[in-house]
C-alpha atoms as a PDB file:
ATOM      1  CA  MET A   1      33.401 161.238 113.992  1.00  0.00           C
ATOM      2  CA  PRO A   2      33.446 157.787 112.333  1.00  0.00           C
ATOM      3  CA  GLY A   3      35.582 157.621 109.195  1.00  0.00           C
ATOM      4  CA  LYS A   4      35.715 155.355 106.186  1.00  0.00           C
ATOM      5  CA  PRO A   5      34.824 151.628 106.362  1.00  0.00           C
ATOM      6  CA  LEU A   6      37.625 149.654 107.993  1.00  0.00           C
ATOM      7  CA  LEU A   7      36.195 146.151 108.438  1.00  0.00           C
ATOM      8  CA  GLN A   8      33.354 144.779 106.328  1.00  0.00           C
ATOM      9  CA  ILE A   9      31.811 141.391 107.110  1.00  0.00           C
ATOM     10  CA  ASN A  10      29.591 140.024 104.344  1.00  0.00           C
ATOM     11  CA  ASN A  11      27.401 136.918 104.788  1.00  0.00           C
ATOM     12  CA  LEU A  12      29.855 135.312 107.210  1.00  0.00           C
ATOM     13  CA  THR A  13      28.982 131.801 108.358  1.00  0.00           C
ATOM     14  CA  THR A  14      31.251 129.955 110.787  1.00  0.00           C
ATOM     15  CA  SER A  15      30.363 126.293 111.365  1.00  0.00           C
ATOM     16  CA  PHE A  16      31.866 123.893 113.893  1.00  0.00           C
ATOM     17  CA  ARG A  17      32.112 120.159 113.352  1.00  0.00           C
ATOM     18  CA  ILE A  18      30.217 118.034 115.857  1.00  0.00           C
ATOM     19  CA  GLY A  19      30.503 114.379 114.973  1.00  0.00           C
ATOM     20  CA  ASP A  20      30.270 114.129 111.188  1.00  0.00           C
ATOM     21  CA  ASP A  21      28.275 117.325 110.603  1.00  0.00           C
ATOM     22  CA  TYR A  22      28.961 121.061 110.679  1.00  0.00           C
ATOM     23  CA  TYR A  23      26.669 123.401 112.644  1.00  0.00           C
ATOM     24  CA  PRO A  24      26.754 127.203 112.133  1.00  0.00           C
ATOM     25  CA  ALA A  25      27.550 129.187 115.293  1.00  0.00           C
ATOM     26  CA  VAL A  26      27.782 132.431 113.305  1.00  0.00           C
ATOM     27  CA  ASP A  27      25.057 132.384 110.673  1.00  0.00           C
ATOM     28  CA  ASN A  28      25.082 134.721 107.657  1.00  0.00           C
ATOM     29  CA  VAL A  29      26.280 137.811 109.539  1.00  0.00           C
ATOM     30  CA  THR A  30      26.852 141.114 107.714  1.00  0.00           C
ATOM     31  CA  LEU A  31      28.363 144.075 109.603  1.00  0.00           C
ATOM     32  CA  THR A  32      30.605 147.101 108.988  1.00  0.00           C
ATOM     33  CA  VAL A  33      33.016 148.859 111.364  1.00  0.00           C
ATOM     34  CA  ASN A  34      34.314 152.299 110.396  1.00  0.00           C
ATOM     35  CA  GLU A  35      37.458 154.075 111.506  1.00  0.00           C
ATOM     36  CA  ASN A  36      37.084 155.798 114.892  1.00  0.00           C
ATOM     37  CA  GLU A  37      33.825 153.927 115.581  1.00  0.00           C
ATOM     38  CA  VAL A  38      32.725 151.533 118.337  1.00  0.00           C
ATOM     39  CA  LEU A  39      30.357 148.765 117.271  1.00  0.00           C
ATOM     40  CA  ALA A  40      28.947 146.927 120.294  1.00  0.00           C
ATOM     41  CA  ILE A  41      27.781 143.329 119.886  1.00  0.00           C
ATOM     42  CA  VAL A  42      25.399 142.251 122.643  1.00  0.00           C
ATOM     43  CA  GLY A  43      23.503 139.122 123.616  1.00  0.00           C
ATOM     44  CA  GLU A  44      23.435 136.292 126.141  1.00  0.00           C
ATOM     45  CA  SER A  45      26.226 133.759 126.495  1.00  0.00           C
ATOM     46  CA  GLY A  46      26.039 131.272 123.634  1.00  0.00           C
ATOM     47  CA  CYS A  47      24.656 133.741 121.087  1.00  0.00           C
ATOM     48  CA  GLY A  48      27.796 133.679 118.927  1.00  0.00           C
ATOM     49  CA  LYS A  49      29.514 136.911 119.989  1.00  0.00           C
ATOM     50  CA  SER A  50      32.931 135.450 120.795  1.00  0.00           C
ATOM     51  CA  ALA A  51      32.665 132.987 117.902  1.00  0.00           C
ATOM     52  CA  LEU A  52      32.277 136.002 115.614  1.00  0.00           C
ATOM     53  CA  ALA A  53      35.283 137.748 117.171  1.00  0.00           C
ATOM     54  CA  LEU A  54      37.507 134.693 116.820  1.00  0.00           C
ATOM     55  CA  SER A  55      36.268 134.262 113.243  1.00  0.00           C
ATOM     56  CA  ILE A  56      37.414 137.787 112.380  1.00  0.00           C
ATOM     57  CA  MET A  57      40.852 137.086 113.871  1.00  0.00           C
ATOM     58  CA  GLN A  58      40.765 133.511 112.481  1.00  0.00           C
ATOM     59  CA  LEU A  59      41.729 131.965 115.781  1.00  0.00           C
ATOM     60  CA  HIS A  60      39.442 128.930 115.583  1.00  0.00           C
ATOM     61  CA  ASN A  61      40.761 125.389 115.222  1.00  0.00           C
ATOM     62  CA  MET A  62      40.434 125.250 111.443  1.00  0.00           C
ATOM     63  CA  GLU A  63      40.518 121.442 111.414  1.00  0.00           C
ATOM     64  CA  ARG A  64      37.061 121.500 112.992  1.00  0.00           C
ATOM     65  CA  THR A  65      35.803 124.809 111.568  1.00  0.00           C
ATOM     66  CA  LYS A  66      34.362 125.818 108.208  1.00  0.00           C
ATOM     67  CA  MET A  67      34.122 129.509 107.311  1.00  0.00           C
ATOM     68  CA  GLU A  68      32.176 130.954 104.389  1.00  0.00           C
ATOM     69  CA  GLY A  69      31.531 134.515 103.256  1.00  0.00           C
ATOM     70  CA  GLU A  70      33.888 137.486 103.333  1.00  0.00           C
ATOM     71  CA  ILE A  71      35.792 139.415 105.996  1.00  0.00           C
ATOM     72  CA  SER A  72      37.286 142.440 104.254  1.00  0.00           C
ATOM     73  CA  PHE A  73      39.882 144.483 106.136  1.00  0.00           C
ATOM     74  CA  ASN A  74      41.251 147.522 104.309  1.00  0.00           C
ATOM     75  CA  GLY A  75      40.078 145.961 101.061  1.00  0.00           C
ATOM     76  CA  GLN A  76      41.667 142.525 101.664  1.00  0.00           C
ATOM     77  CA  ASN A  77      39.544 139.414 102.186  1.00  0.00           C
ATOM     78  CA  LEU A  78      41.107 137.841 105.282  1.00  0.00           C
ATOM     79  CA  LEU A  79      39.584 134.442 104.470  1.00  0.00           C
ATOM     80  CA  SER A  80      41.628 134.229 101.265  1.00  0.00           C
ATOM     81  CA  LEU A  81      44.997 135.061 102.855  1.00  0.00           C
ATOM     82  CA  SER A  82      47.716 132.546 103.664  1.00  0.00           C
ATOM     83  CA  LEU A  83      48.713 132.128 107.313  1.00  0.00           C
ATOM     84  CA  LYS A  84      51.960 134.014 106.598  1.00  0.00           C
ATOM     85  CA  ASP A  85      50.114 137.018 105.154  1.00  0.00           C
ATOM     86  CA  LEU A  86      47.497 136.864 107.902  1.00  0.00           C
ATOM     87  CA  ASN A  87      50.192 137.002 110.582  1.00  0.00           C
ATOM     88  CA  LYS A  88      51.521 140.210 109.031  1.00  0.00           C
ATOM     89  CA  ILE A  89      48.155 141.825 109.806  1.00  0.00           C
ATOM     90  CA  ARG A  90      47.244 140.205 113.142  1.00  0.00           C
ATOM     91  CA  GLY A  91      48.981 141.974 115.997  1.00  0.00           C
ATOM     92  CA  LYS A  92      50.065 144.888 113.838  1.00  0.00           C
ATOM     93  CA  GLU A  93      46.916 146.242 112.170  1.00  0.00           C
ATOM     94  CA  MET A  94      44.385 144.141 114.109  1.00  0.00           C
ATOM     95  CA  GLY A  95      44.505 143.594 117.860  1.00  0.00           C
ATOM     96  CA  MET A  96      42.352 141.714 120.342  1.00  0.00           C
ATOM     97  CA  ILE A  97      41.668 142.131 124.049  1.00  0.00           C
ATOM     98  CA  PHE A  98      40.722 138.662 125.243  1.00  0.00           C
ATOM     99  CA  GLN A  99      37.936 137.911 127.690  1.00  0.00           C
ATOM    100  CA  ASP A 100      40.011 136.276 130.433  1.00  0.00           C
ATOM    101  CA  PRO A 101      43.384 138.001 130.912  1.00  0.00           C
ATOM    102  CA  LEU A 102      44.740 135.218 133.127  1.00  0.00           C
ATOM    103  CA  THR A 103      44.379 132.610 130.384  1.00  0.00           C
ATOM    104  CA  ALA A 104      45.375 135.092 127.645  1.00  0.00           C
ATOM    105  CA  LEU A 105      48.748 135.722 129.282  1.00  0.00           C
ATOM    106  CA  ASN A 106      51.605 133.222 129.376  1.00  0.00           C
ATOM    107  CA  PRO A 107      52.213 132.350 133.049  1.00  0.00           C
ATOM    108  CA  LEU A 108      55.880 131.537 132.372  1.00  0.00           C
ATOM    109  CA  MET A 109      56.824 134.856 130.741  1.00  0.00           C
ATOM    110  CA  ARG A 110      57.365 138.200 132.392  1.00  0.00           C
ATOM    111  CA  VAL A 111      54.970 140.982 131.449  1.00  0.00           C
ATOM    112  CA  GLY A 112      57.656 142.938 129.578  1.00  0.00           C
ATOM    113  CA  GLN A 113      58.545 139.939 127.408  1.00  0.00           C
ATOM    114  CA  GLN A 114      54.920 139.425 126.441  1.00  0.00           C
ATOM    115  CA  ILE A 115      54.429 143.052 125.396  1.00  0.00           C
ATOM    116  CA  GLU A 116      57.649 142.956 123.360  1.00  0.00           C
ATOM    117  CA  GLU A 117      56.710 139.724 121.598  1.00  0.00           C
ATOM    118  CA  ALA A 118      54.316 141.516 119.228  1.00  0.00           C
ATOM    119  CA  MET A 119      56.878 144.253 118.559  1.00  0.00           C
ATOM    120  CA  LYS A 120      59.540 141.716 117.597  1.00  0.00           C
ATOM    121  CA  ASN A 121      57.262 140.320 114.903  1.00  0.00           C
ATOM    122  CA  HIS A 122      56.065 143.620 113.452  1.00  0.00           C
ATOM    123  CA  LEU A 123      58.325 146.548 114.374  1.00  0.00           C
ATOM    124  CA  ASP A 124      61.985 147.164 113.554  1.00  0.00           C
ATOM    125  CA  LEU A 125      63.158 148.191 117.012  1.00  0.00           C
ATOM    126  CA  SER A 126      66.243 147.495 119.104  1.00  0.00           C
ATOM    127  CA  ASP A 127      65.923 145.767 122.500  1.00  0.00           C
ATOM    128  CA  ALA A 128      66.358 149.121 124.274  1.00  0.00           C
ATOM    129  CA  GLU A 129      63.676 150.740 122.091  1.00  0.00           C
ATOM    130  CA  MET A 130      61.261 147.863 122.733  1.00  0.00           C
ATOM    131  CA  LYS A 131      61.773 148.116 126.489  1.00  0.00           C
ATOM    132  CA  LYS A 132      61.247 151.869 126.382  1.00  0.00           C
ATOM    133  CA  ARG A 133      58.043 151.437 124.368  1.00  0.00           C
ATOM    134  CA  SER A 134      56.814 148.679 126.720  1.00  0.00           C
ATOM    135  CA  LEU A 135      57.266 150.941 129.731  1.00  0.00           C
ATOM    136  CA  GLU A 136      55.449 153.754 127.892  1.00  0.00           C
ATOM    137  CA  LEU A 137      52.575 151.381 127.102  1.00  0.00           C
ATOM    138  CA  LEU A 138      52.294 150.222 130.704  1.00  0.00           C
ATOM    139  CA  GLN A 139      52.159 153.860 131.760  1.00  0.00           C
ATOM    140  CA  LYS A 140      49.579 154.641 129.066  1.00  0.00           C
ATOM    141  CA  VAL A 141      47.240 151.899 130.321  1.00  0.00           C
ATOM    142  CA  GLY A 142      47.387 153.336 133.828  1.00  0.00           C
ATOM    143  CA  ILE A 143      49.802 150.986 135.604  1.00  0.00           C
ATOM    144  CA  PRO A 144      51.371 153.022 138.449  1.00  0.00           C
ATOM    145  CA  ASN A 145      54.825 151.392 138.572  1.00  0.00           C
ATOM    146  CA  PRO A 146      55.764 150.332 134.998  1.00  0.00           C
ATOM    147  CA  GLN A 147      59.339 149.352 135.862  1.00  0.00           C
ATOM    148  CA  ARG A 148      58.183 146.906 138.515  1.00  0.00           C
ATOM    149  CA  THR A 149      55.276 145.481 136.480  1.00  0.00           C
ATOM    150  CA  TYR A 150      57.573 145.016 133.463  1.00  0.00           C
ATOM    151  CA  MET A 151      59.512 142.401 135.461  1.00  0.00           C
ATOM    152  CA  GLN A 152      56.519 140.668 137.085  1.00  0.00           C
ATOM    153  CA  TYR A 153      54.686 137.481 136.099  1.00  0.00           C
ATOM    154  CA  PRO A 154      50.906 137.525 135.457  1.00  0.00           C
ATOM    155  CA  HIS A 155      50.052 135.704 138.692  1.00  0.00           C
ATOM    156  CA  GLU A 156      51.606 138.545 140.666  1.00  0.00           C
ATOM    157  CA  LEU A 157      49.083 141.046 139.318  1.00  0.00           C
ATOM    158  CA  SER A 158      45.460 141.766 140.195  1.00  0.00           C
ATOM    159  CA  GLY A 159      42.662 141.133 137.693  1.00  0.00           C
ATOM    160  CA  GLY A 160      42.484 144.800 136.723  1.00  0.00           C
ATOM    161  CA  MET A 161      46.254 145.005 136.258  1.00  0.00           C
ATOM    162  CA  ARG A 162      46.273 141.869 134.089  1.00  0.00           C
ATOM    163  CA  GLN A 163      43.507 143.350 131.939  1.00  0.00           C
ATOM    164  CA  ARG A 164      45.591 146.495 131.476  1.00  0.00           C
ATOM    165  CA  VAL A 165      48.560 144.369 130.422  1.00  0.00           C
ATOM    166  CA  VAL A 166      46.384 142.554 127.859  1.00  0.00           C
ATOM    167  CA  ILE A 167      45.332 145.953 126.501  1.00  0.00           C
ATOM    168  CA  ALA A 168      48.965 147.076 126.356  1.00  0.00           C
ATOM    169  CA  ILE A 169      49.828 143.973 124.302  1.00  0.00           C
ATOM    170  CA  ALA A 170      46.853 144.533 122.000  1.00  0.00           C
ATOM    171  CA  ILE A 171      47.823 148.147 121.234  1.00  0.00           C
ATOM    172  CA  ALA A 172      51.613 147.646 121.173  1.00  0.00           C
ATOM    173  CA  CYS A 173      51.778 148.122 117.395  1.00  0.00           C
ATOM    174  CA  GLU A 174      49.027 150.776 117.276  1.00  0.00           C
ATOM    175  CA  PRO A 175      46.448 148.685 115.385  1.00  0.00           C
ATOM    176  CA  LYS A 176      43.808 150.329 113.206  1.00  0.00           C
ATOM    177  CA  PHE A 177      41.217 147.820 114.414  1.00  0.00           C
ATOM    178  CA  LEU A 178      40.625 146.337 117.859  1.00  0.00           C
ATOM    179  CA  ILE A 179      38.294 143.655 119.222  1.00  0.00           C
ATOM    180  CA  ALA A 180      37.507 143.905 122.935  1.00  0.00           C
ATOM    181  CA  ASP A 181      35.825 140.697 124.109  1.00  0.00           C
ATOM    182  CA  GLU A 182      34.100 141.364 127.447  1.00  0.00           C
ATOM    183  CA  PRO A 183      36.965 143.642 128.594  1.00  0.00           C
ATOM    184  CA  THR A 184      35.340 144.458 131.950  1.00  0.00           C
ATOM    185  CA  THR A 185      34.042 141.011 132.948  1.00  0.00           C
ATOM    186  CA  ALA A 186      34.808 140.022 136.562  1.00  0.00           C
ATOM    187  CA  LEU A 187      36.268 143.450 137.379  1.00  0.00           C
ATOM    188  CA  ASP A 188      34.877 145.626 140.147  1.00  0.00           C
ATOM    189  CA  VAL A 189      32.931 148.744 139.179  1.00  0.00           C
ATOM    190  CA  THR A 190      35.808 151.171 139.800  1.00  0.00           C
ATOM    191  CA  ILE A 191      38.248 149.202 137.645  1.00  0.00           C
ATOM    192  CA  GLN A 192      35.554 148.751 134.969  1.00  0.00           C
ATOM    193  CA  ALA A 193      35.195 152.522 134.697  1.00  0.00           C
ATOM    194  CA  GLN A 194      38.966 152.955 134.421  1.00  0.00           C
ATOM    195  CA  ILE A 195      39.235 150.320 131.668  1.00  0.00           C
ATOM    196  CA  LEU A 196      36.400 151.946 129.679  1.00  0.00           C
ATOM    197  CA  ASP A 197      37.980 155.393 130.071  1.00  0.00           C
ATOM    198  CA  LEU A 198      41.258 153.935 128.852  1.00  0.00           C
ATOM    199  CA  MET A 199      39.639 152.386 125.764  1.00  0.00           C
ATOM    200  CA  ARG A 200      37.873 155.655 124.971  1.00  0.00           C
ATOM    201  CA  ASP A 201      41.144 157.603 125.241  1.00  0.00           C
ATOM    202  CA  LEU A 202      42.941 155.102 123.017  1.00  0.00           C
ATOM    203  CA  GLN A 203      40.198 155.372 120.422  1.00  0.00           C
ATOM    204  CA  LYS A 204      40.524 159.161 120.360  1.00  0.00           C
ATOM    205  CA  GLN A 205      44.329 159.062 120.161  1.00  0.00           C
ATOM    206  CA  MET A 206      44.655 156.335 117.530  1.00  0.00           C
ATOM    207  CA  LYS A 207      41.338 156.698 115.598  1.00  0.00           C
ATOM    208  CA  THR A 208      40.877 152.961 116.055  1.00  0.00           C
ATOM    209  CA  GLY A 209      37.770 151.072 114.922  1.00  0.00           C
ATOM    210  CA  ILE A 210      36.565 148.880 117.803  1.00  0.00           C
ATOM    211  CA  ILE A 211      34.238 145.914 118.128  1.00  0.00           C
ATOM    212  CA  LEU A 212      33.113 145.785 121.758  1.00  0.00           C
ATOM    213  CA  ILE A 213      31.580 142.464 122.803  1.00  0.00           C
ATOM    214  CA  THR A 214      29.564 142.639 125.993  1.00  0.00           C
ATOM    215  CA  HIS A 215      26.341 141.631 127.726  1.00  0.00           C
ATOM    216  CA  ASP A 216      26.369 144.815 129.815  1.00  0.00           C
ATOM    217  CA  LEU A 217      23.943 147.338 128.308  1.00  0.00           C
ATOM    218  CA  GLY A 218      25.297 150.040 130.603  1.00  0.00           C
ATOM    219  CA  VAL A 219      28.708 149.661 128.969  1.00  0.00           C
ATOM    220  CA  VAL A 220      27.021 149.790 125.553  1.00  0.00           C
ATOM    221  CA  ALA A 221      25.249 153.055 126.382  1.00  0.00           C
ATOM    222  CA  GLU A 222      28.523 154.596 127.522  1.00  0.00           C
ATOM    223  CA  MET A 223      30.861 153.370 124.776  1.00  0.00           C
ATOM    224  CA  ALA A 224      29.089 152.419 121.550  1.00  0.00           C
ATOM    225  CA  ASP A 225      28.242 154.331 118.388  1.00  0.00           C
ATOM    226  CA  LYS A 226      26.301 151.435 116.850  1.00  0.00           C
ATOM    227  CA  VAL A 227      24.884 148.204 118.267  1.00  0.00           C
ATOM    228  CA  ALA A 228      24.284 144.756 116.798  1.00  0.00           C
ATOM    229  CA  VAL A 229      22.107 142.429 118.898  1.00  0.00           C
ATOM    230  CA  MET A 230      22.942 138.753 118.340  1.00  0.00           C
ATOM    231  CA  TYR A 231      20.766 135.774 119.129  1.00  0.00           C
ATOM    232  CA  ALA A 232      21.498 132.126 118.246  1.00  0.00           C
ATOM    233  CA  GLY A 233      24.220 133.049 115.748  1.00  0.00           C
ATOM    234  CA  GLU A 234      22.229 135.716 113.905  1.00  0.00           C
ATOM    235  CA  VAL A 235      22.085 139.499 114.132  1.00  0.00           C
ATOM    236  CA  VAL A 236      18.441 140.196 115.036  1.00  0.00           C
ATOM    237  CA  GLU A 237      18.625 143.986 115.366  1.00  0.00           C
ATOM    238  CA  TYR A 238      21.077 146.672 114.300  1.00  0.00           C
ATOM    239  CA  ALA A 239      20.967 150.452 114.858  1.00  0.00           C
ATOM    240  CA  ASP A 240      22.909 153.384 116.217  1.00  0.00           C
ATOM    241  CA  VAL A 241      23.033 153.357 120.009  1.00  0.00           C
ATOM    242  CA  LYS A 242      20.585 156.247 120.565  1.00  0.00           C
ATOM    243  CA  THR A 243      17.977 154.707 118.277  1.00  0.00           C
ATOM    244  CA  LEU A 244      18.281 151.279 119.869  1.00  0.00           C
ATOM    245  CA  PHE A 245      17.947 152.578 123.421  1.00  0.00           C
ATOM    246  CA  LYS A 246      15.036 154.839 122.494  1.00  0.00           C
ATOM    247  CA  ASN A 247      13.175 152.372 120.292  1.00  0.00           C
ATOM    248  CA  PRO A 248      14.185 148.694 120.682  1.00  0.00           C
ATOM    249  CA  LEU A 249      11.949 146.599 118.441  1.00  0.00           C
ATOM    250  CA  HIS A 250      12.906 142.926 118.240  1.00  0.00           C
ATOM    251  CA  PRO A 251      11.342 140.843 121.056  1.00  0.00           C
ATOM    252  CA  TYR A 252      14.803 139.661 122.119  1.00  0.00           C
ATOM    253  CA  THR A 253      16.187 143.207 122.333  1.00  0.00           C
ATOM    254  CA  ARG A 254      13.140 144.370 124.267  1.00  0.00           C
ATOM    255  CA  SER A 255      13.467 141.390 126.624  1.00  0.00           C
ATOM    256  CA  LEU A 256      17.117 142.250 127.301  1.00  0.00           C
ATOM    257  CA  PHE A 257      16.171 145.835 128.159  1.00  0.00           C
ATOM    258  CA  ASN A 258      13.264 144.644 130.268  1.00  0.00           C
ATOM    259  CA  SER A 259      15.679 142.561 132.349  1.00  0.00           C
ATOM    260  CA  ILE A 260      17.626 145.636 133.479  1.00  0.00           C
ATOM    261  CA  PRO A 261      16.979 146.860 137.029  1.00  0.00           C
ATOM    262  CA  SER A 262      15.435 150.343 136.898  1.00  0.00           C
ATOM    263  CA  SER A 263      15.690 152.944 139.643  1.00  0.00           C
ATOM    264  CA  ALA A 264      12.918 154.873 137.886  1.00  0.00           C
ATOM    265  CA  LYS A 265      10.292 152.272 138.782  1.00  0.00           C
ATOM    266  CA  ASN A 266       9.523 150.197 141.837  1.00  0.00           C
ATOM    267  CA  GLN A 267      10.284 146.585 141.008  1.00  0.00           C
ATOM    268  CA  ASP A 268       9.824 143.652 143.341  1.00  0.00           C
ATOM    269  CA  ARG A 269      11.387 141.265 140.827  1.00  0.00           C
ATOM    270  CA  LEU A 270      13.192 141.405 137.502  1.00  0.00           C
ATOM    271  CA  HIS A 271      11.799 140.231 134.205  1.00  0.00           C
ATOM    272  CA  VAL A 272      13.246 136.848 133.251  1.00  0.00           C
ATOM    273  CA  ILE A 273      13.625 135.756 129.628  1.00  0.00           C
ATOM    274  CA  LYS A 274      12.087 132.291 129.582  1.00  0.00           C
ATOM    275  CA  GLY A 275      14.182 129.368 128.323  1.00  0.00           C
ATOM    276  CA  ILE A 276      17.800 129.300 127.197  1.00  0.00           C
ATOM    277  CA  VAL A 277      19.756 129.811 123.983  1.00  0.00           C
ATOM    278  CA  PRO A 278      19.479 126.506 122.044  1.00  0.00           C
ATOM    279  CA  SER A 279      22.615 124.402 121.549  1.00  0.00           C
ATOM    280  CA  LEU A 280      24.141 124.297 118.064  1.00  0.00           C
ATOM    281  CA  LYS A 281      22.735 120.833 117.354  1.00  0.00           C
ATOM    282  CA  ASN A 282      19.217 121.754 118.506  1.00  0.00           C
ATOM    283  CA  LEU A 283      19.096 125.187 116.916  1.00  0.00           C
ATOM    284  CA  PRO A 284      16.130 125.637 114.556  1.00  0.00           C
ATOM    285  CA  ARG A 285      17.399 126.595 111.095  1.00  0.00           C
ATOM    286  CA  THR A 286      14.072 127.854 109.776  1.00  0.00           C
ATOM    287  CA  GLY A 287      11.618 130.280 111.318  1.00  0.00           C
ATOM    288  CA  CYS A 288      12.271 132.796 114.073  1.00  0.00           C
ATOM    289  CA  ARG A 289      14.913 131.402 116.431  1.00  0.00           C
ATOM    290  CA  PHE A 290      13.492 133.329 119.372  1.00  0.00           C
ATOM    291  CA  ALA A 291       9.953 131.987 118.882  1.00  0.00           C
ATOM    292  CA  SER A 292      10.226 129.195 121.481  1.00  0.00           C
ATOM    293  CA  ARG A 293      11.046 131.763 124.189  1.00  0.00           C
ATOM    294  CA  ILE A 294       7.978 133.909 123.497  1.00  0.00           C
ATOM    295  CA  PRO A 295       5.315 131.157 123.178  1.00  0.00           C
ATOM    296  CA  TRP A 296       2.446 133.611 123.781  1.00  0.00           C
ATOM    297  CA  VAL A 297       3.131 135.194 120.352  1.00  0.00           C
ATOM    298  CA  ASP A 298       1.125 133.393 117.661  1.00  0.00           C
ATOM    299  CA  ALA A 299       3.109 131.321 115.152  1.00  0.00           C
ATOM    300  CA  SER A 300       1.581 133.320 112.287  1.00  0.00           C
ATOM    301  CA  ALA A 301       3.467 136.402 113.516  1.00  0.00           C
ATOM    302  CA  HIS A 302       6.811 134.822 112.617  1.00  0.00           C
ATOM    303  CA  GLU A 303       8.379 134.555 109.176  1.00  0.00           C
ATOM    304  CA  GLU A 304       9.385 131.164 107.834  1.00  0.00           C
ATOM    305  CA  HIS A 305      12.684 132.617 106.640  1.00  0.00           C
ATOM    306  CA  PRO A 306      13.276 135.802 108.646  1.00  0.00           C
ATOM    307  CA  VAL A 307      15.427 138.488 107.039  1.00  0.00           C
ATOM    308  CA  MET A 308      16.807 141.830 108.197  1.00  0.00           C
ATOM    309  CA  ARG A 309      14.591 144.740 107.145  1.00  0.00           C
ATOM    310  CA  GLU A 310      15.289 148.457 107.438  1.00  0.00           C
ATOM    311  CA  VAL A 311      12.356 149.829 109.480  1.00  0.00           C
ATOM    312  CA  GLU A 312      13.763 153.346 109.698  1.00  0.00           C
ATOM    313  CA  GLN A 313      16.983 154.871 108.423  1.00  0.00           C
ATOM    314  CA  GLY A 314      19.886 152.759 109.692  1.00  0.00           C
ATOM    315  CA  HIS A 315      17.635 150.603 111.922  1.00  0.00           C
ATOM    316  CA  PHE A 316      17.313 146.951 110.882  1.00  0.00           C
ATOM    317  CA  VAL A 317      15.189 144.208 112.494  1.00  0.00           C
ATOM    318  CA  ARG A 318      14.903 140.484 111.735  1.00  0.00           C
ATOM    319  CA  CYS A 319      11.464 138.824 111.475  1.00  0.00           C
ATOM    320  CA  THR A 320       8.036 140.485 111.431  1.00  0.00           C
ATOM    321  CA  CYS A 321       7.205 139.192 114.928  1.00  0.00           C
ATOM    322  CA  TYR A 322       8.321 142.506 116.430  1.00  0.00           C
ATOM    323  CA  GLN A 323       5.103 144.041 115.040  1.00  0.00           C
ATOM    324  CA  HIS A 324       2.980 141.684 117.153  1.00  0.00           C
ATOM    325  CA  PHE A 325       5.075 141.400 120.304  1.00  0.00           C
ATOM    326  CA  GLU A 326       3.873 142.510 123.711  1.00  0.00           C
ATOM    327  CA  PHE A 327       4.953 141.320 127.127  1.00  0.00           C
ATOM    328  CA  PRO A 328       2.389 139.033 128.788  1.00  0.00           C
ATOM    329  CA  LYS A 329      -0.190 140.777 130.955  1.00  0.00           C
ATOM    330  CA  ASP A 330       1.247 139.479 134.217  1.00  0.00           C
ATOM    331  CA  ALA A 331       4.548 141.166 133.372  1.00  0.00           C
ATOM    332  CA  GLU A 332       3.128 144.584 132.509  1.00  0.00           C
ATOM    333  CA  ASP A 333       4.445 146.106 135.709  1.00  0.00           C
ATOM    334  CA  LEU A 334       7.963 144.911 134.799  1.00  0.00           C
ATOM    335  CA  LYS A 335       8.230 146.908 131.590  1.00  0.00           C
ATOM    336  CA  TYR A 336      11.343 149.021 131.352  1.00  0.00           C
ATOM    337  CA  ASP A 337      11.206 152.363 129.592  1.00  0.00           C
ATOM    338  CA  VAL A 338      14.642 152.535 127.915  1.00  0.00           C
ATOM    339  CA  ALA A 339      13.962 156.100 126.811  1.00  0.00           C
ATOM    340  CA  GLU A 340      14.301 157.100 130.485  1.00  0.00           C
ATOM    341  CA  SER A 341      17.700 155.449 130.916  1.00  0.00           C
END
């Protein structure tokens, strides 16, 4: 069962400098992650998911980034900490599984050295103790020959093996909080299942709070306790996973579900969400940001300044347009009943 609040994000806005101006990529986001809880963040590429993750870990280039709001971890506002104090928390109490393990790993360092690097900074262990722990971690993440892998370089490993190494590095100091940014991207289905099983086991063993960033709603259904749907830098819907799958309300959430292939219905073609996520410079800052992609919904259905409203206990939706949204008539046969999934 989820425990006490671990990470609390309040009105977080992360803006990137383009030319002489700053443009928010994460816009006024408020979220909470509890101990022993998985919060999934879903949305298309460009919606701000990874920007949010890197904001929490403060891994942006701060010369071109402006961050406002509060990120509270165990009662400390991370945005107010010095780099020295922040580094005491990152790696030890907060870990991150990066999206691309090949670029996350140093190609010039052996796997064992990279796992031990975090331990050297945060744990008081001898070289022999660090090696022993590294081998135990490699075994824990399901690598069949830890002794051999310990001495290998990243390029000698498969994609699934590299992802396991990245997970081993992330959990080396048994963090209380973990961000997994698309941990199963580009892996085959069998390896995906193994990685998800591994993350679930680690959560049970260590009572870790996890933010899982993904565009795969199947992974969300399997792993998440709660779900935040992001679009154009904003959270547009938030609920526990059962509620969201049973009763998605925001037009964007419903469109995502409607794009899923369904074995329950005969489909000649998939529903396509018209248009693309706007670029930061072209992003509308007033009105419903999804309005341009559902042009058949009348402008009067949208709020000028959409806010998150609780429509049922624990279920929040942005903008009143969800009350007026229906798929166009020619797409009726493409509707996807998420309650059957």
